[in-house]
């Protein structure tokens, strides 16, 4: 067997092994994101915000946090790092996804990526949407009461 044929056979064999590993999913990054890591990262960004509950998206790229005072926190993966923020009124628009258990969120005042946030279940998506509604209701202005001398005369 000549050296050229041997090089071609070895190269072909290596390509088959690489293709098999890629086809079976062995080349995908494992998603080892842990809610505990999310809590630590969010606590670094917002140390005075106690966290009650964490809800991660199905792909682990984003996470919504229910805070103790009713506000909602948000963490989004940017490579190996996270961007953390508090959800405030007027900062986002939300729609329910028709065909998946998730939400379509567009951030109005930020450079954060918006888009589809798909959860493991419809119940989880509904829970996060309620968190977002509560966050907006907490900060909504209360009905103005007439000042002294106004109104009833």
N, C-alpha and C. Protein backbone atom coordinates (compact mmCIF):
# COMPACT_ATOMS: atom_id res chain seq x y z
N UNK A 1 0.86 -1.16 0.00
CA UNK A 1 0.00 0.00 0.00
C UNK A 1 0.91 1.24 0.00
N UNK A 2 0.58 2.17 -0.87
CA UNK A 2 1.41 3.36 -0.98
C UNK A 2 1.06 4.37 0.12
N UNK A 3 1.96 5.27 0.37
CA UNK A 3 1.78 6.28 1.41
C UNK A 3 0.61 7.20 1.09
N UNK A 4 0.39 7.53 -0.17
CA UNK A 4 -0.71 8.40 -0.57
C UNK A 4 -2.06 7.77 -0.27
N UNK A 5 -2.20 6.47 -0.55
CA UNK A 5 -3.46 5.77 -0.27
C UNK A 5 -3.70 5.71 1.23
N UNK A 6 -2.67 5.46 2.01
CA UNK A 6 -2.79 5.41 3.46
C UNK A 6 -3.25 6.76 4.03
N UNK A 7 -2.70 7.86 3.53
CA UNK A 7 -3.08 9.19 3.99
C UNK A 7 -4.55 9.45 3.67
N UNK A 8 -4.99 9.07 2.48
CA UNK A 8 -6.39 9.27 2.08
C UNK A 8 -7.32 8.44 2.97
N UNK A 9 -6.98 7.19 3.26
CA UNK A 9 -7.81 6.33 4.10
C UNK A 9 -7.90 6.87 5.54
N UNK A 10 -6.78 7.30 6.10
CA UNK A 10 -6.78 7.84 7.45
C UNK A 10 -7.61 9.13 7.50
N UNK A 11 -7.44 10.00 6.52
CA UNK A 11 -8.21 11.25 6.47
C UNK A 11 -9.70 10.96 6.36
N UNK A 12 -10.05 10.02 5.50
CA UNK A 12 -11.45 9.64 5.34
C UNK A 12 -12.02 9.05 6.64
N UNK A 13 -11.24 8.24 7.33
CA UNK A 13 -11.68 7.67 8.60
C UNK A 13 -11.89 8.73 9.66
N UNK A 14 -11.00 9.70 9.75
CA UNK A 14 -11.14 10.79 10.71
C UNK A 14 -12.40 11.59 10.41
N UNK A 15 -12.65 11.89 9.14
CA UNK A 15 -13.85 12.63 8.76
C UNK A 15 -15.13 11.87 9.11
N UNK A 16 -15.12 10.56 8.96
CA UNK A 16 -16.30 9.75 9.33
C UNK A 16 -16.54 9.82 10.84
N UNK A 17 -15.48 9.72 11.63
CA UNK A 17 -15.63 9.80 13.09
C UNK A 17 -16.15 11.18 13.50
N UNK A 18 -15.59 12.24 12.93
CA UNK A 18 -16.06 13.60 13.25
C UNK A 18 -17.52 13.76 12.85
N UNK A 19 -17.90 13.27 11.69
CA UNK A 19 -19.29 13.36 11.24
C UNK A 19 -20.23 12.59 12.16
N UNK A 20 -19.81 11.41 12.60
CA UNK A 20 -20.65 10.61 13.49
C UNK A 20 -20.85 11.31 14.84
N UNK A 21 -19.79 11.89 15.39
CA UNK A 21 -19.90 12.59 16.67
C UNK A 21 -20.83 13.80 16.52
N UNK A 22 -20.66 14.53 15.44
CA UNK A 22 -21.52 15.70 15.22
C UNK A 22 -22.97 15.29 14.99
N UNK A 23 -23.20 14.26 14.22
CA UNK A 23 -24.56 13.81 13.90
C UNK A 23 -25.30 13.29 15.15
N UNK A 24 -24.60 12.66 16.04
CA UNK A 24 -25.24 12.12 17.25
C UNK A 24 -25.39 13.15 18.36
N UNK A 25 -24.91 14.37 18.13
CA UNK A 25 -25.08 15.43 19.11
C UNK A 25 -23.93 15.55 20.09
N UNK A 26 -22.89 14.84 19.92
CA UNK A 26 -21.76 14.89 20.83
C UNK A 26 -20.99 16.20 20.77
N UNK A 27 -21.16 16.96 19.69
CA UNK A 27 -20.42 18.22 19.57
C UNK A 27 -21.18 19.40 20.15
N UNK A 28 -22.44 19.20 20.55
CA UNK A 28 -23.21 20.29 21.15
C UNK A 28 -22.72 20.57 22.56
N UNK A 29 -22.80 21.84 22.95
CA UNK A 29 -22.42 22.19 24.31
C UNK A 29 -23.48 21.68 25.25
N UNK A 30 -23.05 21.09 26.34
CA UNK A 30 -24.03 20.65 27.33
C UNK A 30 -24.52 21.87 28.09
N UNK A 31 -25.80 21.88 28.41
CA UNK A 31 -26.38 23.00 29.12
C UNK A 31 -26.39 22.70 30.61
N UNK A 32 -25.35 23.17 31.28
CA UNK A 32 -25.21 22.91 32.71
C UNK A 32 -25.61 24.11 33.54
N UNK A 33 -26.44 24.96 33.00
CA UNK A 33 -26.83 26.16 33.74
C UNK A 33 -27.67 25.75 34.95
N UNK A 34 -27.26 26.26 36.06
CA UNK A 34 -27.89 25.91 37.33
C UNK A 34 -28.60 27.13 37.89
N UNK A 35 -29.84 26.99 38.38
CA UNK A 35 -30.52 28.13 38.99
C UNK A 35 -29.72 28.76 40.13
N UNK A 36 -28.93 27.98 40.82
CA UNK A 36 -28.09 28.53 41.89
C UNK A 36 -27.07 29.52 41.35
N UNK A 37 -26.49 29.22 40.18
CA UNK A 37 -25.55 30.15 39.56
C UNK A 37 -26.26 31.43 39.14
N UNK A 38 -27.48 31.29 38.66
CA UNK A 38 -28.27 32.46 38.25
C UNK A 38 -28.52 33.36 39.47
N UNK A 39 -28.89 32.75 40.58
CA UNK A 39 -29.16 33.52 41.80
C UNK A 39 -27.91 34.28 42.24
N UNK A 40 -26.76 33.63 42.21
CA UNK A 40 -25.51 34.29 42.59
C UNK A 40 -25.18 35.46 41.66
N UNK A 41 -25.34 35.25 40.35
CA UNK A 41 -25.05 36.31 39.39
C UNK A 41 -26.00 37.49 39.57
N UNK A 42 -27.28 37.22 39.76
CA UNK A 42 -28.24 38.30 39.94
C UNK A 42 -27.98 39.04 41.25
N UNK A 43 -27.61 38.31 42.28
CA UNK A 43 -27.33 38.94 43.58
C UNK A 43 -26.10 39.83 43.51
N UNK A 44 -25.16 39.52 42.63
CA UNK A 44 -24.02 40.42 42.45
C UNK A 44 -24.45 41.73 41.82
N UNK A 45 -25.37 41.65 40.86
CA UNK A 45 -25.82 42.86 40.17
C UNK A 45 -26.78 43.67 41.02
N UNK A 46 -27.65 42.98 41.77
CA UNK A 46 -28.66 43.65 42.60
C UNK A 46 -28.63 43.04 44.00
N UNK A 47 -27.67 43.44 44.83
CA UNK A 47 -27.50 42.80 46.14
C UNK A 47 -28.66 42.99 47.10
N UNK A 48 -29.47 44.00 46.94
CA UNK A 48 -30.56 44.25 47.88
C UNK A 48 -31.88 43.65 47.46
N UNK A 49 -31.89 42.78 46.47
CA UNK A 49 -33.13 42.19 45.96
C UNK A 49 -33.22 40.71 46.31
N UNK A 50 -33.98 40.34 47.35
CA UNK A 50 -34.15 38.92 47.69
C UNK A 50 -34.97 38.20 46.62
N UNK A 51 -34.57 36.99 46.29
CA UNK A 51 -35.18 36.22 45.20
C UNK A 51 -36.08 35.13 45.79
N UNK A 52 -37.32 35.05 45.28
CA UNK A 52 -38.26 34.02 45.74
C UNK A 52 -38.28 32.81 44.82
N UNK A 53 -38.17 33.03 43.52
CA UNK A 53 -38.31 31.93 42.58
C UNK A 53 -37.55 32.23 41.30
N UNK A 54 -37.10 31.16 40.63
CA UNK A 54 -36.36 31.28 39.38
C UNK A 54 -37.04 30.43 38.32
N UNK A 55 -37.19 30.98 37.14
CA UNK A 55 -37.77 30.23 36.03
C UNK A 55 -36.90 30.42 34.79
N UNK A 56 -36.26 29.33 34.38
CA UNK A 56 -35.37 29.38 33.23
C UNK A 56 -36.12 28.99 31.96
N UNK A 57 -35.68 29.54 30.84
CA UNK A 57 -36.24 29.12 29.57
C UNK A 57 -35.74 27.72 29.25
N UNK A 58 -36.39 27.09 28.30
CA UNK A 58 -36.08 25.70 27.97
C UNK A 58 -34.63 25.54 27.51
N UNK A 59 -34.11 26.53 26.77
CA UNK A 59 -32.74 26.44 26.28
C UNK A 59 -31.70 26.94 27.28
N UNK A 60 -32.14 27.50 28.41
CA UNK A 60 -31.23 27.97 29.43
C UNK A 60 -30.55 29.29 29.11
N UNK A 61 -30.95 29.96 28.04
CA UNK A 61 -30.32 31.21 27.63
C UNK A 61 -30.86 32.43 28.37
N UNK A 62 -32.04 32.30 28.97
CA UNK A 62 -32.64 33.43 29.69
C UNK A 62 -33.31 32.89 30.95
N UNK A 63 -33.50 33.81 31.89
CA UNK A 63 -34.07 33.42 33.17
C UNK A 63 -34.85 34.58 33.75
N UNK A 64 -36.02 34.28 34.29
CA UNK A 64 -36.84 35.28 34.95
C UNK A 64 -36.84 34.96 36.44
N UNK A 65 -36.73 36.00 37.26
CA UNK A 65 -36.65 35.82 38.70
C UNK A 65 -37.77 36.57 39.37
N UNK A 66 -38.50 35.89 40.23
CA UNK A 66 -39.55 36.50 41.03
C UNK A 66 -38.89 37.01 42.29
N UNK A 67 -38.96 38.32 42.51
CA UNK A 67 -38.31 38.92 43.66
C UNK A 67 -39.28 39.03 44.82
N UNK A 68 -38.76 39.16 46.02
CA UNK A 68 -39.58 39.12 47.24
C UNK A 68 -40.60 40.24 47.31
N UNK A 69 -40.30 41.39 46.72
CA UNK A 69 -41.24 42.51 46.80
C UNK A 69 -42.21 42.56 45.63
N UNK A 70 -42.26 41.50 44.82
CA UNK A 70 -43.21 41.43 43.71
C UNK A 70 -42.64 41.87 42.38
N UNK A 71 -41.43 42.42 42.37
CA UNK A 71 -40.81 42.82 41.11
C UNK A 71 -40.30 41.58 40.39
N UNK A 72 -39.92 41.78 39.13
CA UNK A 72 -39.37 40.69 38.33
C UNK A 72 -37.98 41.06 37.85
N UNK A 73 -37.06 40.13 37.99
CA UNK A 73 -35.72 40.30 37.48
C UNK A 73 -35.56 39.48 36.21
N UNK A 74 -34.54 39.81 35.44
CA UNK A 74 -34.31 39.12 34.17
C UNK A 74 -32.82 38.94 33.98
N UNK A 75 -32.43 37.75 33.58
CA UNK A 75 -31.03 37.44 33.26
C UNK A 75 -31.01 36.85 31.86
N UNK A 76 -30.06 37.32 31.04
CA UNK A 76 -29.92 36.78 29.70
C UNK A 76 -28.47 36.44 29.45
N UNK A 77 -28.25 35.29 28.87
CA UNK A 77 -26.91 34.82 28.60
C UNK A 77 -26.33 35.56 27.40
N UNK A 78 -25.12 36.04 27.57
CA UNK A 78 -24.36 36.66 26.48
C UNK A 78 -23.03 35.92 26.43
N UNK A 79 -23.04 34.78 25.78
CA UNK A 79 -21.84 33.94 25.76
C UNK A 79 -21.67 33.27 27.11
N UNK A 80 -20.53 33.52 27.74
CA UNK A 80 -20.28 32.94 29.06
C UNK A 80 -20.70 33.85 30.20
N UNK A 81 -21.25 35.02 29.86
CA UNK A 81 -21.65 35.99 30.88
C UNK A 81 -23.15 36.24 30.80
N UNK A 82 -23.67 36.88 31.85
CA UNK A 82 -25.08 37.22 31.90
C UNK A 82 -25.26 38.73 31.98
N UNK A 83 -26.38 39.19 31.45
CA UNK A 83 -26.80 40.57 31.62
C UNK A 83 -28.00 40.50 32.56
N UNK A 84 -27.94 41.29 33.63
CA UNK A 84 -29.02 41.28 34.63
C UNK A 84 -29.73 42.62 34.61
N UNK A 85 -31.06 42.57 34.81
CA UNK A 85 -31.82 43.81 34.89
C UNK A 85 -33.11 43.59 35.67
N UNK A 86 -33.65 44.69 36.18
CA UNK A 86 -34.97 44.67 36.80
C UNK A 86 -35.97 45.11 35.74
N UNK A 87 -37.10 44.43 35.68
CA UNK A 87 -38.16 44.80 34.75
C UNK A 87 -38.93 45.98 35.36
N UNK A 88 -39.02 47.05 34.61
CA UNK A 88 -39.76 48.24 35.06
C UNK A 88 -40.88 48.52 34.06
N UNK A 89 -41.94 49.20 34.51
CA UNK A 89 -43.05 49.51 33.61
C UNK A 89 -42.59 50.27 32.37
N UNK A 90 -43.15 49.88 31.24
CA UNK A 90 -42.82 50.53 29.99
C UNK A 90 -41.56 50.01 29.33
N UNK A 91 -40.87 49.07 29.96
CA UNK A 91 -39.60 48.62 29.41
C UNK A 91 -39.75 47.45 28.44
N UNK A 92 -40.93 46.86 28.37
CA UNK A 92 -41.09 45.73 27.46
C UNK A 92 -42.52 45.57 26.98
N UNK A 93 -42.64 44.85 25.88
CA UNK A 93 -43.94 44.45 25.34
C UNK A 93 -43.96 42.93 25.32
N UNK A 94 -45.10 42.34 25.68
CA UNK A 94 -45.20 40.88 25.80
C UNK A 94 -46.39 40.37 25.02
N UNK A 95 -46.19 39.26 24.32
CA UNK A 95 -47.28 38.53 23.65
C UNK A 95 -47.10 37.05 23.94
N UNK A 96 -48.19 36.33 23.97
CA UNK A 96 -48.15 34.88 24.16
C UNK A 96 -47.83 34.23 22.81
N UNK A 97 -46.97 33.23 22.81
CA UNK A 97 -46.70 32.46 21.60
C UNK A 97 -47.86 31.51 21.33
N UNK A 98 -48.28 31.43 20.10
CA UNK A 98 -49.44 30.60 19.75
C UNK A 98 -49.11 29.11 19.73
N UNK A 99 -47.94 28.76 19.21
CA UNK A 99 -47.63 27.35 18.97
C UNK A 99 -46.66 26.72 19.95
N UNK A 100 -46.16 27.50 20.90
CA UNK A 100 -45.18 26.99 21.88
C UNK A 100 -45.54 27.50 23.26
N UNK A 101 -45.08 26.83 24.30
CA UNK A 101 -45.33 27.33 25.67
C UNK A 101 -44.34 28.44 26.02
N UNK A 102 -44.65 29.64 25.57
CA UNK A 102 -43.71 30.71 25.81
C UNK A 102 -44.28 32.08 25.55
N UNK A 103 -43.38 33.06 25.60
CA UNK A 103 -43.73 34.46 25.44
C UNK A 103 -42.83 35.10 24.40
N UNK A 104 -43.37 36.06 23.66
CA UNK A 104 -42.58 36.91 22.77
C UNK A 104 -42.40 38.21 23.52
N UNK A 105 -41.16 38.59 23.80
CA UNK A 105 -40.88 39.80 24.56
C UNK A 105 -39.99 40.71 23.74
N UNK A 106 -40.38 41.98 23.69
CA UNK A 106 -39.58 43.00 23.03
C UNK A 106 -39.22 44.04 24.08
N UNK A 107 -37.92 44.28 24.23
CA UNK A 107 -37.44 45.27 25.20
C UNK A 107 -37.42 46.63 24.52
N UNK A 108 -38.17 47.59 25.08
CA UNK A 108 -38.34 48.90 24.46
C UNK A 108 -37.18 49.85 24.72
N UNK A 109 -36.55 49.75 25.87
CA UNK A 109 -35.55 50.74 26.26
C UNK A 109 -34.17 50.13 26.48
N UNK A 110 -33.85 49.10 25.74
CA UNK A 110 -32.61 48.39 26.04
C UNK A 110 -32.01 47.80 24.77
N UNK A 111 -30.76 47.46 24.88
CA UNK A 111 -30.10 46.77 23.78
C UNK A 111 -30.20 45.25 23.94
N UNK A 112 -30.94 44.80 24.96
CA UNK A 112 -31.11 43.36 25.14
C UNK A 112 -31.85 42.77 23.96
N UNK A 113 -31.48 41.56 23.62
CA UNK A 113 -32.19 40.86 22.55
C UNK A 113 -33.59 40.54 23.04
N UNK A 114 -34.53 40.78 22.20
CA UNK A 114 -35.89 40.34 22.48
C UNK A 114 -36.11 39.05 21.71
N UNK A 115 -37.33 38.61 21.67
CA UNK A 115 -37.64 37.43 20.88
C UNK A 115 -38.47 36.44 21.65
N UNK A 116 -38.38 35.20 21.21
CA UNK A 116 -39.15 34.12 21.82
C UNK A 116 -38.44 33.59 23.06
N UNK A 117 -39.20 33.45 24.13
CA UNK A 117 -38.70 32.84 25.35
C UNK A 117 -39.61 31.64 25.62
N UNK A 118 -39.13 30.46 25.28
CA UNK A 118 -39.91 29.23 25.37
C UNK A 118 -39.56 28.52 26.67
N UNK A 119 -40.59 28.08 27.39
CA UNK A 119 -40.42 27.42 28.68
C UNK A 119 -40.74 25.93 28.54
N UNK A 120 -40.45 25.18 29.57
CA UNK A 120 -40.68 23.73 29.56
C UNK A 120 -42.16 23.39 29.53
N UNK A 121 -43.01 24.28 30.06
CA UNK A 121 -44.44 23.98 30.09
C UNK A 121 -45.25 25.27 29.94
N UNK A 122 -46.50 25.09 29.58
CA UNK A 122 -47.42 26.22 29.48
C UNK A 122 -47.64 26.86 30.84
N UNK A 123 -47.67 26.04 31.88
CA UNK A 123 -47.87 26.55 33.23
C UNK A 123 -46.73 27.49 33.63
N UNK A 124 -45.50 27.12 33.28
CA UNK A 124 -44.34 27.95 33.61
C UNK A 124 -44.40 29.28 32.86
N UNK A 125 -44.80 29.24 31.59
CA UNK A 125 -44.92 30.47 30.80
C UNK A 125 -46.01 31.37 31.39
N UNK A 126 -47.12 30.78 31.82
CA UNK A 126 -48.21 31.56 32.42
C UNK A 126 -47.76 32.18 33.74
N UNK A 127 -46.98 31.43 34.51
CA UNK A 127 -46.48 31.94 35.78
C UNK A 127 -45.57 33.16 35.56
N UNK A 128 -44.67 33.07 34.59
CA UNK A 128 -43.78 34.19 34.30
C UNK A 128 -44.58 35.39 33.79
N UNK A 129 -45.60 35.16 32.98
CA UNK A 129 -46.41 36.28 32.50
C UNK A 129 -47.12 36.97 33.66
N UNK A 130 -47.56 36.20 34.65
CA UNK A 130 -48.17 36.80 35.84
C UNK A 130 -47.15 37.61 36.63
N UNK A 131 -45.92 37.13 36.72
CA UNK A 131 -44.87 37.89 37.39
C UNK A 131 -44.69 39.24 36.71
N UNK A 132 -44.67 39.22 35.38
CA UNK A 132 -44.48 40.47 34.63
C UNK A 132 -45.64 41.43 34.85
N UNK A 133 -46.87 40.89 34.88
CA UNK A 133 -48.04 41.73 35.13
C UNK A 133 -47.96 42.34 36.53
N UNK A 134 -47.59 41.53 37.52
CA UNK A 134 -47.44 42.03 38.89
C UNK A 134 -46.38 43.13 38.97
N UNK A 135 -45.28 42.96 38.24
CA UNK A 135 -44.23 43.98 38.24
C UNK A 135 -44.76 45.30 37.71
N UNK A 136 -45.58 45.22 36.69
CA UNK A 136 -46.14 46.45 36.11
C UNK A 136 -47.18 47.06 37.04
N UNK A 137 -47.95 46.25 37.73
CA UNK A 137 -49.01 46.75 38.62
C UNK A 137 -48.42 47.41 39.87
N UNK A 138 -47.29 46.89 40.36
CA UNK A 138 -46.68 47.46 41.56
C UNK A 138 -46.24 48.89 41.35
N UNK A 139 -45.76 49.18 40.17
CA UNK A 139 -45.20 50.51 39.93
C UNK A 139 -46.18 51.44 39.23
N UNK A 140 -47.41 50.99 38.98
CA UNK A 140 -48.36 51.87 38.29
C UNK A 140 -48.79 52.97 39.24
N UNK A 141 -49.02 54.16 38.69
CA UNK A 141 -49.41 55.27 39.56
C UNK A 141 -50.76 55.02 40.19
N UNK A 142 -50.87 55.40 41.45
CA UNK A 142 -52.14 55.24 42.15
C UNK A 142 -53.10 56.33 41.67
N UNK A 143 -54.38 56.10 41.82
CA UNK A 143 -55.34 57.10 41.38
C UNK A 143 -55.15 58.35 42.21
N UNK A 144 -55.14 59.46 41.53
CA UNK A 144 -54.90 60.73 42.20
C UNK A 144 -56.10 61.15 43.00
N UNK A 145 -55.84 61.54 44.23
CA UNK A 145 -56.93 62.04 45.08
C UNK A 145 -56.93 63.55 44.96
N UNK A 146 -58.11 64.16 44.99
CA UNK A 146 -58.15 65.62 44.87
C UNK A 146 -57.46 66.28 46.06
N UNK A 147 -56.72 67.31 45.75
CA UNK A 147 -56.04 68.05 46.82
C UNK A 147 -57.05 68.91 47.55
N UNK A 148 -56.63 69.45 48.70
CA UNK A 148 -57.52 70.30 49.48
C UNK A 148 -57.95 71.49 48.64
N UNK A 149 -59.20 71.81 48.73
CA UNK A 149 -59.71 72.96 48.02
C UNK A 149 -60.20 72.64 46.62
N UNK A 150 -59.88 71.41 46.11
CA UNK A 150 -60.35 71.02 44.78
C UNK A 150 -61.55 70.13 44.91
N UNK A 151 -62.29 70.00 43.85
CA UNK A 151 -63.38 69.03 43.78
C UNK A 151 -64.60 69.48 44.55
N UNK A 152 -64.89 68.84 45.66
CA UNK A 152 -66.14 69.08 46.40
C UNK A 152 -66.14 70.47 47.02
N UNK A 153 -67.05 71.29 46.55
CA UNK A 153 -67.13 72.63 47.11
C UNK A 153 -68.48 72.87 47.73
